[in-house]
Each structure stands twice: as C-alpha cells, then as structure tokens.
C-alpha cells in the first residue's frame, strides 16, 4: 500500500485546494450535486472535477460506472490521506451512501447503467420516501398506494420527514402494491423522477428554525415498472437492506457532530470550556466537567474506530445488518450528550435565540442543541433500534 499512498499523497498535494484543507467536519459536508446544484466556491468546483476525473467521487465503485475501483485497503488509505489534510469529500449525498449501494447489489444492469454514472458525476441528487404521517417507526403500515396500469404504476399518497426533498431530483420510495396478507409482503420499492407530474413538496420548519425535512405528495403519479428495484411486492427486503446503510450513515454523521452551521465548524467542548470558565494553574477547576469532556472525546474516537471496522467489512462484501442499529443509537446518544454538555458549560449565555446580548456562536449552539434531539427519531427511533438490537443482535425473545 505504500506505493499507492505515495502516489495519492503526491496527487493530493498537487491538486487539493489549500482553501479546503482543514475544513472537513462531517460525512455530509460538501457538494451534493443535482440538476439545480451550485458550487460554493471555485475551489470546491475544481476539487470535484479533478477527483471525478480519477473516479474518486465514488472511490470503491466499479470503473464501468465511473467509480475509482479502489480495493478496501486502497480506500482506507484514501480516507486516511483526506483526513490527514482535513479535506471534505468531493461529492456527498444519499445517492452515494444509500441508493447507490442498493443498485449495486439489487438493481438490474439497465438500472445500474442508467443511474450509477449520474450519481458518480453528481448530476442527480436523491431523497428517500419512507416515513408517512401514520407510518413512522411502524413503517410496514405505510399507506401510499400504487396500482399497476399497463407498464406503469399509478401512485397516490404522502411521505413526511423527507430530507432535502425540495432539492432532490429523484426519490427512492416505498409504496403499497398489495393489501391482503402480511403487511410487509405487499410493499414495492420504486424510483421516481421528482419532476414527474403530480409530485409536490412542502418544507417542514423545525424548532431549531431550519427546514431540512419536507412533506412529499403524490397525486396520480406515473412511474414505469422498469423503475421497480427487485420484484413487485418484495420491497420490504430491499428497504431493510437500505435502512441498514442509512442507520450506519446516520450514526457516523451524528457521531462526528452532525450537520452544523458554518460558525460552529471549529467548535469543540474543550476550547469552549476554557473560554467560558478559564483555567487555574493550567487546568479546569471543575473535575467533573473535565471528566465529561474527556469522556465525550474518547467516546467519539471509539465510535469512529468501530465504524471504520464495519466499513472495512462492507468493502469486502459483508452487507450491513442489525449491528447498524448500534451505530445509530450510540451515535445519537453521543451527539445529544455533546450538545447538552455544551449548553451546560455556557449556562444562560448558551440559551440565547437572537439579539445583541448573545454571540453568534451561542445562538447557533442553541439551535444545534435543539436539532440534536431529532437524532433520536430520524432514521428509526431509539426505541425501535433497541428492539432490533434485543431481538437480532442479542437474540432475546419478542
């Protein structure tokens, strides 16, 4: 691996923009791509283009789809070198970490040829149509209906909490195609272009003031049967595989601190505590606070190491299973505890919403603390994750 590392290091030193070095924060920081996408800077555009040319927007995907074809060991080196320079990924999004892996494992060759190169090139941005107003944790009770009409599905219903649906070009969606029998046996997994007639979106404003989630409405939407992944009525199997990818991804993202406002890009608990409380003889006087900060940092490092091991297994063919629920719940708890500790350190100053009495960092931190509470719901509630772990990891009875 050392010759590969040396070659990659030389390439990055020559082509990685200096303005992007040291800016990486989370797995979802960077260029999302899509029909309406704009680059945040010329350097971000150059970074994307030079990595795309080498297939490194999707490093481990096969060359035939535009990926880099890297082996597991090569990809580990790739991530290490990006981390060393603090570089963000050249392309991010649900296409790469959710629907892409499903297409690779369960899609037809025609579906792979149509969608994977567009994901690699950042031409299409994807969103996920799973949850509904009456089918969140109990996803199998979903009611969005799809009826076969010739060589098309005609779809009616609603999805909710759909992340970034208002920016997405395509949606991968669960629809009910059969009502009799076991609920899970009547669900189909289908892909839809968001520009299709009858699809509309509406953002949902959160308590933090942001609107990353949307409602999506389907009114007589037509999707070709060729967009079904797997078999009709067998979407639950595909959905479970994708959920495993999602929960691992969510766990990794929130363990890294979650999506943050730019002003919090360099925020860390240690520096904030020193700024607010100060040092006595070089240390914080509050021993319990010192312990909590150290424990938070240690837990984050352990989480990252565990996720790296799991990612290595996936790159040699192991599909994520119920252990992804562990990543989801642990990542969620770590992130909520981190921001809870931050507002405890700040006291009343960290509860400001707006106004001259509070700094921009403090008002952003208040919103980040509130936003972190949603981690225990999105991607499957913590209660559901504990049930999955109990049954499928620990083998406990129902």
Protein backbone atom coordinates (compact mmCIF):
# COMPACT_ATOMS: atom_id res chain seq x y z
CA UNK A 1 0.00 0.00 0.00
CA UNK A 2 2.92 2.38 0.46
CA UNK A 3 3.44 2.97 -3.30
CA UNK A 4 -0.30 3.74 -3.61
CA UNK A 5 -0.14 6.05 -0.60
CA UNK A 6 2.86 7.88 -2.00
CA UNK A 7 1.16 8.33 -5.38
CA UNK A 8 -2.09 9.52 -3.76
CA UNK A 9 -0.27 11.86 -1.41
CA UNK A 10 1.59 13.47 -4.29
CA UNK A 11 -1.66 13.82 -6.23
CA UNK A 12 -3.43 15.47 -3.30
CA UNK A 13 -0.55 17.81 -2.58
CA UNK A 14 -0.68 18.98 -6.19
CA UNK A 15 -4.45 19.17 -6.72
CA UNK A 16 -6.24 19.60 -3.36
CA UNK A 17 -7.16 23.29 -2.94
CA UNK A 18 -5.50 24.88 0.07
CA UNK A 19 -8.71 26.72 0.95
CA UNK A 20 -10.44 23.37 1.59
CA UNK A 21 -7.73 21.83 3.73
CA UNK A 22 -8.66 21.57 7.37
CA UNK A 23 -12.34 22.26 6.70
CA UNK A 24 -13.81 18.73 6.83
CA UNK A 25 -16.45 18.36 9.54
CA UNK A 26 -18.92 15.59 8.70
CA UNK A 27 -19.67 12.93 6.05
CA UNK A 28 -22.34 15.23 4.56
CA UNK A 29 -20.31 18.40 4.27
CA UNK A 30 -19.58 19.32 0.68
CA UNK A 31 -21.06 19.35 -2.80
CA UNK A 32 -24.37 17.45 -3.05
CA UNK A 33 -24.71 17.61 -6.82
CA UNK A 34 -28.03 17.62 -8.67
CA UNK A 35 -29.71 19.41 -11.54
CA UNK A 36 -30.01 22.65 -9.57
CA UNK A 37 -26.73 22.42 -7.69
CA UNK A 38 -24.24 25.25 -7.48
CA UNK A 39 -20.72 25.06 -6.13
CA UNK A 40 -19.94 27.11 -3.05
CA UNK A 41 -16.62 28.27 -4.50
CA UNK A 42 -14.33 27.87 -7.49
CA UNK A 43 -12.04 25.72 -5.38
CA UNK A 44 -14.86 23.36 -4.48
CA UNK A 45 -15.67 23.04 -8.20
CA UNK A 46 -12.03 22.31 -9.09
CA UNK A 47 -11.79 19.76 -6.27
CA UNK A 48 -14.88 17.95 -7.55
CA UNK A 49 -13.72 17.95 -11.17
CA UNK A 50 -10.21 16.68 -10.51
CA UNK A 51 -11.50 13.87 -8.27
CA UNK A 52 -14.24 12.95 -10.75
CA UNK A 53 -11.65 12.56 -13.48
CA UNK A 54 -9.98 9.82 -11.41
CA UNK A 55 -13.28 8.19 -10.34
CA UNK A 56 -12.78 9.33 -6.77
CA UNK A 57 -16.25 10.76 -6.24
CA UNK A 58 -17.23 7.09 -5.74
CA UNK A 59 -13.85 5.54 -4.89
CA UNK A 60 -14.86 1.89 -4.45
CA UNK A 61 -17.49 1.64 -7.18
CA UNK A 62 -16.58 -0.27 -10.37
CA UNK A 63 -14.79 1.62 -13.13
CA UNK A 64 -17.53 0.70 -15.60
CA UNK A 65 -19.94 3.04 -13.77
CA UNK A 66 -17.37 5.82 -13.39
CA UNK A 67 -16.10 4.83 -9.95
CA UNK A 68 -12.49 4.53 -8.83
CA UNK A 69 -12.42 0.74 -8.43
CA UNK A 70 -10.33 1.01 -5.27
CA UNK A 71 -9.80 -2.04 -3.10
CA UNK A 72 -10.68 -2.00 0.59
CA UNK A 73 -7.06 -1.32 1.57
CA UNK A 74 -6.70 1.41 -1.04
CA UNK A 75 -9.89 3.07 0.13
CA UNK A 76 -8.66 3.00 3.73
CA UNK A 77 -5.53 4.82 2.60
CA UNK A 78 -7.66 7.26 0.61
CA UNK A 79 -9.73 8.14 3.70
CA UNK A 80 -6.61 8.42 5.85
CA UNK A 81 -4.98 10.86 3.46
CA UNK A 82 -8.11 13.02 3.19
CA UNK A 83 -8.34 13.02 6.98
CA UNK A 84 -4.68 13.94 7.31
CA UNK A 85 -5.29 17.07 5.23
CA UNK A 86 -8.74 17.74 6.67
CA UNK A 87 -10.27 17.60 3.19
CA UNK A 88 -14.01 17.18 2.61
CA UNK A 89 -15.25 14.51 0.24
CA UNK A 90 -15.56 15.82 -3.34
CA UNK A 91 -19.20 14.66 -3.55
CA UNK A 92 -21.74 13.70 -0.87
CA UNK A 93 -25.36 12.63 -0.73
CA UNK A 94 -27.86 9.83 -0.43
CA UNK A 95 -27.08 8.64 -3.95
CA UNK A 96 -23.62 7.56 -2.85
CA UNK A 97 -24.38 6.12 0.58
CA UNK A 98 -27.94 4.79 0.27
CA UNK A 99 -29.49 4.10 -3.13
CA UNK A 100 -26.14 3.56 -4.87
CA UNK A 101 -25.16 0.51 -2.77
CA UNK A 102 -28.68 -0.90 -3.23
CA UNK A 103 -28.48 -0.52 -7.00
CA UNK A 104 -25.10 -2.25 -6.97
CA UNK A 105 -26.45 -5.21 -5.01
CA UNK A 106 -30.08 -5.47 -6.19
CA UNK A 107 -30.51 -3.35 -9.32
CA UNK A 108 -30.73 -4.69 -12.85
CA UNK A 109 -27.91 -3.94 -15.27
CA UNK A 110 -30.16 -1.45 -17.06
CA UNK A 111 -30.87 0.33 -13.75
CA UNK A 112 -27.20 0.42 -12.85
CA UNK A 113 -26.23 1.77 -16.26
CA UNK A 114 -28.89 4.47 -16.06
CA UNK A 115 -28.41 5.73 -12.51
CA UNK A 116 -24.92 4.94 -11.19
CA UNK A 117 -22.89 7.08 -13.64
CA UNK A 118 -25.21 10.04 -12.98
CA UNK A 119 -24.64 9.65 -9.24
CA UNK A 120 -20.89 9.48 -9.74
CA UNK A 121 -20.93 12.64 -11.88
CA UNK A 122 -23.11 14.50 -9.37
CA UNK A 123 -25.84 15.03 -11.95
CA UNK A 124 -28.72 13.69 -9.84
CA UNK A 125 -29.50 14.30 -6.18
CA UNK A 126 -31.62 11.70 -4.38
CA UNK A 127 -34.03 11.69 -1.42
CA UNK A 128 -35.75 8.89 0.49
CA UNK A 129 -39.52 8.34 0.55
CA UNK A 130 -40.13 6.05 3.53
CA UNK A 131 -41.92 7.65 6.51
CA UNK A 132 -45.57 8.73 6.33
CA UNK A 133 -47.84 10.65 8.75
CA UNK A 134 -49.23 7.33 10.04
CA UNK A 135 -46.21 5.13 9.36
CA UNK A 136 -43.02 6.24 11.04
CA UNK A 137 -41.48 3.71 13.39
CA UNK A 138 -44.12 1.22 12.24
CA UNK A 139 -43.04 1.61 8.64
CA UNK A 140 -44.80 -1.56 7.46
CA UNK A 141 -48.15 0.19 7.98
CA UNK A 142 -47.43 2.67 5.16
CA UNK A 143 -50.43 3.57 3.04
CA UNK A 144 -49.13 5.25 -0.10
CA UNK A 145 -50.80 3.17 -2.83
CA UNK A 146 -49.53 2.12 -6.23
CA UNK A 147 -51.75 0.39 -8.78
CA UNK A 148 -50.45 -1.26 -11.94
CA UNK A 149 -51.78 0.31 -15.14
CA UNK A 150 -50.21 -1.28 -18.20
CA UNK A 151 -46.46 -0.91 -17.86
CA UNK A 152 -46.71 1.80 -15.19
CA UNK A 153 -47.51 2.25 -11.52
CA UNK A 154 -50.03 4.95 -10.63
CA UNK A 155 -49.14 6.30 -7.17
CA UNK A 156 -51.18 8.27 -4.64
CA UNK A 157 -50.27 9.19 -1.07
CA UNK A 158 -47.93 11.20 1.12
CA UNK A 159 -44.48 10.94 2.65
CA UNK A 160 -43.15 13.02 5.53
CA UNK A 161 -39.80 13.92 7.10
CA UNK A 162 -38.21 13.52 3.67
CA UNK A 163 -34.75 15.06 3.99
CA UNK A 164 -33.97 17.70 1.35
CA UNK A 165 -36.85 16.61 -0.89
CA UNK A 166 -37.20 20.18 -2.13
CA UNK A 167 -33.66 19.97 -3.54
CA UNK A 168 -33.80 16.39 -4.84
CA UNK A 169 -34.11 15.26 -8.47
CA UNK A 170 -35.14 11.64 -7.82
CA UNK A 171 -36.71 9.78 -4.92
CA UNK A 172 -36.45 6.11 -3.91
CA UNK A 173 -39.78 5.24 -2.43
CA UNK A 174 -41.80 2.53 -0.70
CA UNK A 175 -45.37 2.08 -1.94
CA UNK A 176 -48.12 -0.42 -1.15
CA UNK A 177 -48.99 -2.59 -4.13
CA UNK A 178 -50.97 -5.27 -2.30
CA UNK A 179 -53.30 -5.00 0.70
CA UNK A 180 -54.06 -8.64 1.50
CA UNK A 181 -51.79 -10.87 3.57
CA UNK A 182 -48.82 -9.85 5.68
CA UNK A 183 -48.21 -6.10 5.55
CA UNK A 184 -44.52 -6.45 4.67
CA UNK A 185 -45.37 -8.69 1.72
CA UNK A 186 -47.33 -6.02 -0.12
CA UNK A 187 -44.68 -3.29 -0.41
CA UNK A 188 -42.74 -2.37 -3.54
CA UNK A 189 -39.53 -0.33 -3.86
CA UNK A 190 -39.67 2.11 -6.78
CA UNK A 191 -37.62 5.01 -8.16
CA UNK A 192 -39.29 8.22 -9.33
CA UNK A 193 -38.15 11.41 -11.03
CA UNK A 194 -39.22 14.32 -8.80
CA UNK A 195 -40.10 16.31 -11.92
CA UNK A 196 -42.89 13.83 -12.72
CA UNK A 197 -46.35 15.38 -12.91
CA UNK A 198 -48.25 15.00 -9.64
CA UNK A 199 -45.28 15.21 -7.23
CA UNK A 200 -45.10 18.23 -4.92
CA UNK A 201 -43.07 19.07 -1.80
CA UNK A 202 -43.53 21.32 1.22
CA UNK A 203 -40.76 22.09 3.77
CA UNK A 204 -41.35 21.49 7.48
CA UNK A 205 -39.89 24.09 9.83
CA UNK A 206 -38.24 22.61 12.92
CA UNK A 207 -37.92 24.03 16.42
CA UNK A 208 -34.32 24.95 15.55
CA UNK A 209 -35.60 27.26 12.80
CA UNK A 210 -34.16 25.16 9.96
CA UNK A 211 -36.13 23.20 7.36
CA UNK A 212 -34.12 20.17 6.22
CA UNK A 213 -37.27 17.99 6.14
CA UNK A 214 -40.23 18.07 3.78
CA UNK A 215 -43.61 16.59 3.11
CA UNK A 216 -43.97 14.95 -0.32
CA UNK A 217 -47.34 14.47 -2.01
CA UNK A 218 -48.18 12.05 -4.85
CA UNK A 219 -51.31 12.62 -6.92
CA UNK A 220 -51.80 10.14 -9.77
CA UNK A 221 -48.05 9.97 -10.30
CA UNK A 222 -46.96 7.57 -13.03
CA UNK A 223 -43.72 5.61 -12.76
CA UNK A 224 -42.63 2.91 -15.23
CA UNK A 225 -42.48 -0.64 -13.91
CA UNK A 226 -38.88 -0.70 -15.07
CA UNK A 227 -38.15 1.60 -12.10
CA UNK A 228 -39.05 -1.12 -9.57
CA UNK A 229 -35.98 -2.41 -7.71
CA UNK A 230 -36.20 -6.16 -7.18
CA UNK A 231 -39.59 -7.78 -7.58
CA UNK A 232 -43.10 -6.41 -7.14
CA UNK A 233 -44.33 -6.78 -3.53
CA UNK A 234 -40.75 -7.60 -2.39
CA UNK A 235 -39.74 -4.05 -1.50
CA UNK A 236 -39.53 -4.73 2.23
CA UNK A 237 -36.42 -6.86 1.73
CA UNK A 238 -34.78 -4.09 -0.31
CA UNK A 239 -35.93 -1.47 2.21
CA UNK A 240 -34.35 -3.30 5.15
CA UNK A 241 -31.02 -3.50 3.36
CA UNK A 242 -31.13 0.21 2.64
CA UNK A 243 -32.13 1.03 6.22
CA UNK A 244 -29.00 -0.74 7.42
CA UNK A 245 -26.89 1.54 5.20
CA UNK A 246 -28.87 4.57 6.41
CA UNK A 247 -28.53 3.80 10.11
CA UNK A 248 -24.81 3.27 9.80
CA UNK A 249 -24.54 6.53 7.85
CA UNK A 250 -26.66 8.47 10.36
CA UNK A 251 -24.64 7.05 13.25
CA UNK A 252 -21.39 8.06 11.60
CA UNK A 253 -22.66 11.53 10.77
CA UNK A 254 -24.06 12.39 14.19
CA UNK A 255 -21.05 10.88 15.93
CA UNK A 256 -18.97 13.42 14.01
CA UNK A 257 -21.14 16.21 15.39
CA UNK A 258 -23.94 16.26 12.85
CA UNK A 259 -24.59 18.92 10.26
CA UNK A 260 -23.55 22.25 11.74
CA UNK A 261 -23.86 25.92 11.00
CA UNK A 262 -20.60 27.23 9.45
CA UNK A 263 -19.86 29.29 12.54
CA UNK A 264 -19.63 26.05 14.56
CA UNK A 265 -17.18 24.48 12.12
CA UNK A 266 -14.28 24.62 14.59
CA UNK A 267 -16.32 24.32 17.80
CA UNK A 268 -15.09 21.91 20.43
CA UNK A 269 -16.02 21.43 24.06
CA UNK A 270 -12.53 21.86 25.49
CA UNK A 271 -11.89 25.27 23.94
CA UNK A 272 -15.40 26.47 24.76
CA UNK A 273 -15.00 25.47 28.42
CA UNK A 274 -11.66 27.26 28.65
CA UNK A 275 -13.17 30.38 27.09
CA UNK A 276 -16.21 30.42 29.40
CA UNK A 277 -14.68 29.22 32.65
CA UNK A 278 -10.94 29.78 32.35
CA UNK A 279 -8.02 27.81 33.75
CA UNK A 280 -6.42 27.70 37.16
CA UNK A 281 -2.79 26.59 37.09
CA UNK A 282 -3.37 25.26 33.58
CA UNK A 283 -6.45 23.12 34.29
CA UNK A 284 -10.20 23.50 34.66
CA UNK A 285 -11.16 23.67 38.32
CA UNK A 286 -14.28 21.58 37.82
CA UNK A 287 -13.09 17.95 37.93
CA UNK A 288 -16.49 16.55 36.92
CA UNK A 289 -16.58 18.81 33.87
CA UNK A 290 -13.05 17.74 32.91
CA UNK A 291 -14.18 14.13 33.12
CA UNK A 292 -17.26 14.73 30.95
CA UNK A 293 -15.25 16.50 28.23
CA UNK A 294 -12.60 13.77 28.17
CA UNK A 295 -15.26 11.06 28.13
CA UNK A 296 -17.00 12.74 25.20
CA UNK A 297 -13.78 12.87 23.18
CA UNK A 298 -12.90 9.26 24.00
CA UNK A 299 -16.38 8.05 23.06
CA UNK A 300 -16.18 9.82 19.71
CA UNK A 301 -12.82 8.25 18.92
CA UNK A 302 -14.09 4.78 19.82
CA UNK A 303 -17.19 5.28 17.69
CA UNK A 304 -15.10 6.32 14.69
CA UNK A 305 -12.82 3.30 15.09
CA UNK A 306 -15.79 0.92 15.29
CA UNK A 307 -17.41 2.43 12.19
CA UNK A 308 -14.12 2.13 10.29
CA UNK A 309 -14.00 -1.59 11.09
CA UNK A 310 -17.60 -2.05 9.92
CA UNK A 311 -16.91 -0.12 6.71
CA UNK A 312 -13.90 -2.32 6.01
CA UNK A 313 -16.12 -5.41 6.30
CA UNK A 314 -18.66 -3.94 3.87
CA UNK A 315 -15.99 -3.26 1.29
CA UNK A 316 -15.10 -6.95 1.16
CA UNK A 317 -18.71 -7.96 0.60
CA UNK A 318 -20.30 -8.03 4.05
CA UNK A 319 -23.73 -6.37 3.96
CA UNK A 320 -24.65 -4.20 6.96
CA UNK A 321 -27.05 -5.92 9.32
CA UNK A 322 -28.70 -5.25 12.66
CA UNK A 323 -25.39 -4.00 14.06
CA UNK A 324 -26.09 -0.76 12.18
CA UNK A 325 -28.76 -0.10 14.81
CA UNK A 326 -25.97 0.01 17.38
CA UNK A 327 -24.19 2.70 15.36
CA UNK A 328 -27.41 4.67 15.04
CA UNK A 329 -28.30 4.67 18.71
CA UNK A 330 -24.75 5.19 20.00
CA UNK A 331 -24.09 8.00 17.53
CA UNK A 332 -27.39 9.61 18.50
CA UNK A 333 -26.65 9.47 22.22
CA UNK A 334 -23.11 10.80 21.75
CA UNK A 335 -24.30 13.78 19.73
CA UNK A 336 -27.12 14.68 22.11
CA UNK A 337 -24.80 14.43 25.13
CA UNK A 338 -22.17 16.57 23.39
CA UNK A 339 -24.51 19.48 22.71
CA UNK A 340 -26.24 19.08 26.09
CA UNK A 341 -22.83 19.44 27.73
CA UNK A 342 -22.08 22.48 25.56
CA UNK A 343 -25.16 24.36 26.77
CA UNK A 344 -24.41 23.34 30.35
CA UNK A 345 -20.95 24.86 30.03
CA UNK A 346 -22.41 28.07 28.61
CA UNK A 347 -25.20 28.33 31.16
CA UNK A 348 -27.73 31.04 30.43
CA UNK A 349 -25.47 32.51 27.75
CA UNK A 350 -25.92 29.36 25.65
CA UNK A 351 -29.71 29.62 25.63
CA UNK A 352 -29.94 32.79 23.55
CA UNK A 353 -32.06 32.71 20.44
CA UNK A 354 -31.28 36.10 18.95
CA UNK A 355 -30.28 39.61 19.96
CA UNK A 356 -27.18 41.61 20.81
CA UNK A 357 -26.89 40.04 24.27
CA UNK A 358 -25.67 36.77 22.73
CA UNK A 359 -22.80 35.89 20.43
CA UNK A 360 -23.40 34.26 17.05
CA UNK A 361 -21.76 31.08 18.33
CA UNK A 362 -24.12 30.93 21.31
CA UNK A 363 -27.28 31.36 19.24
CA UNK A 364 -26.03 28.77 16.73
CA UNK A 365 -25.24 26.39 19.58
CA UNK A 366 -28.75 26.76 20.98
CA UNK A 367 -30.17 25.68 17.63
CA UNK A 368 -27.66 22.82 17.36
CA UNK A 369 -28.68 21.54 20.80
CA UNK A 370 -32.36 21.62 19.83
CA UNK A 371 -31.63 20.00 16.46
CA UNK A 372 -29.74 17.13 18.09
CA UNK A 373 -32.91 15.99 19.83
CA UNK A 374 -34.28 14.93 16.45
CA UNK A 375 -31.44 12.41 16.08
CA UNK A 376 -33.35 10.09 18.43
CA UNK A 377 -36.27 9.99 15.96
CA UNK A 378 -34.90 10.28 12.41
CA UNK A 379 -33.67 7.12 10.71
CA UNK A 380 -35.68 4.99 13.16
CA UNK A 381 -36.39 5.94 16.76
CA UNK A 382 -34.04 4.93 19.55
CA UNK A 383 -36.80 2.71 20.96
CA UNK A 384 -37.06 0.82 17.65
CA UNK A 385 -33.27 0.47 17.47
CA UNK A 386 -33.20 -1.06 20.97
CA UNK A 387 -35.86 -3.57 19.93
CA UNK A 388 -33.81 -4.54 16.85
CA UNK A 389 -30.65 -4.94 18.93
CA UNK A 390 -32.50 -7.01 21.55
CA UNK A 391 -34.03 -9.39 19.01
CA UNK A 392 -31.47 -9.65 16.23
CA UNK A 393 -28.15 -8.99 17.99
CA UNK A 394 -28.74 -10.32 21.50
CA UNK A 395 -31.28 -12.97 20.46
CA UNK A 396 -33.81 -12.06 23.15
CA UNK A 397 -37.42 -13.24 22.76
CA UNK A 398 -40.11 -10.94 21.32
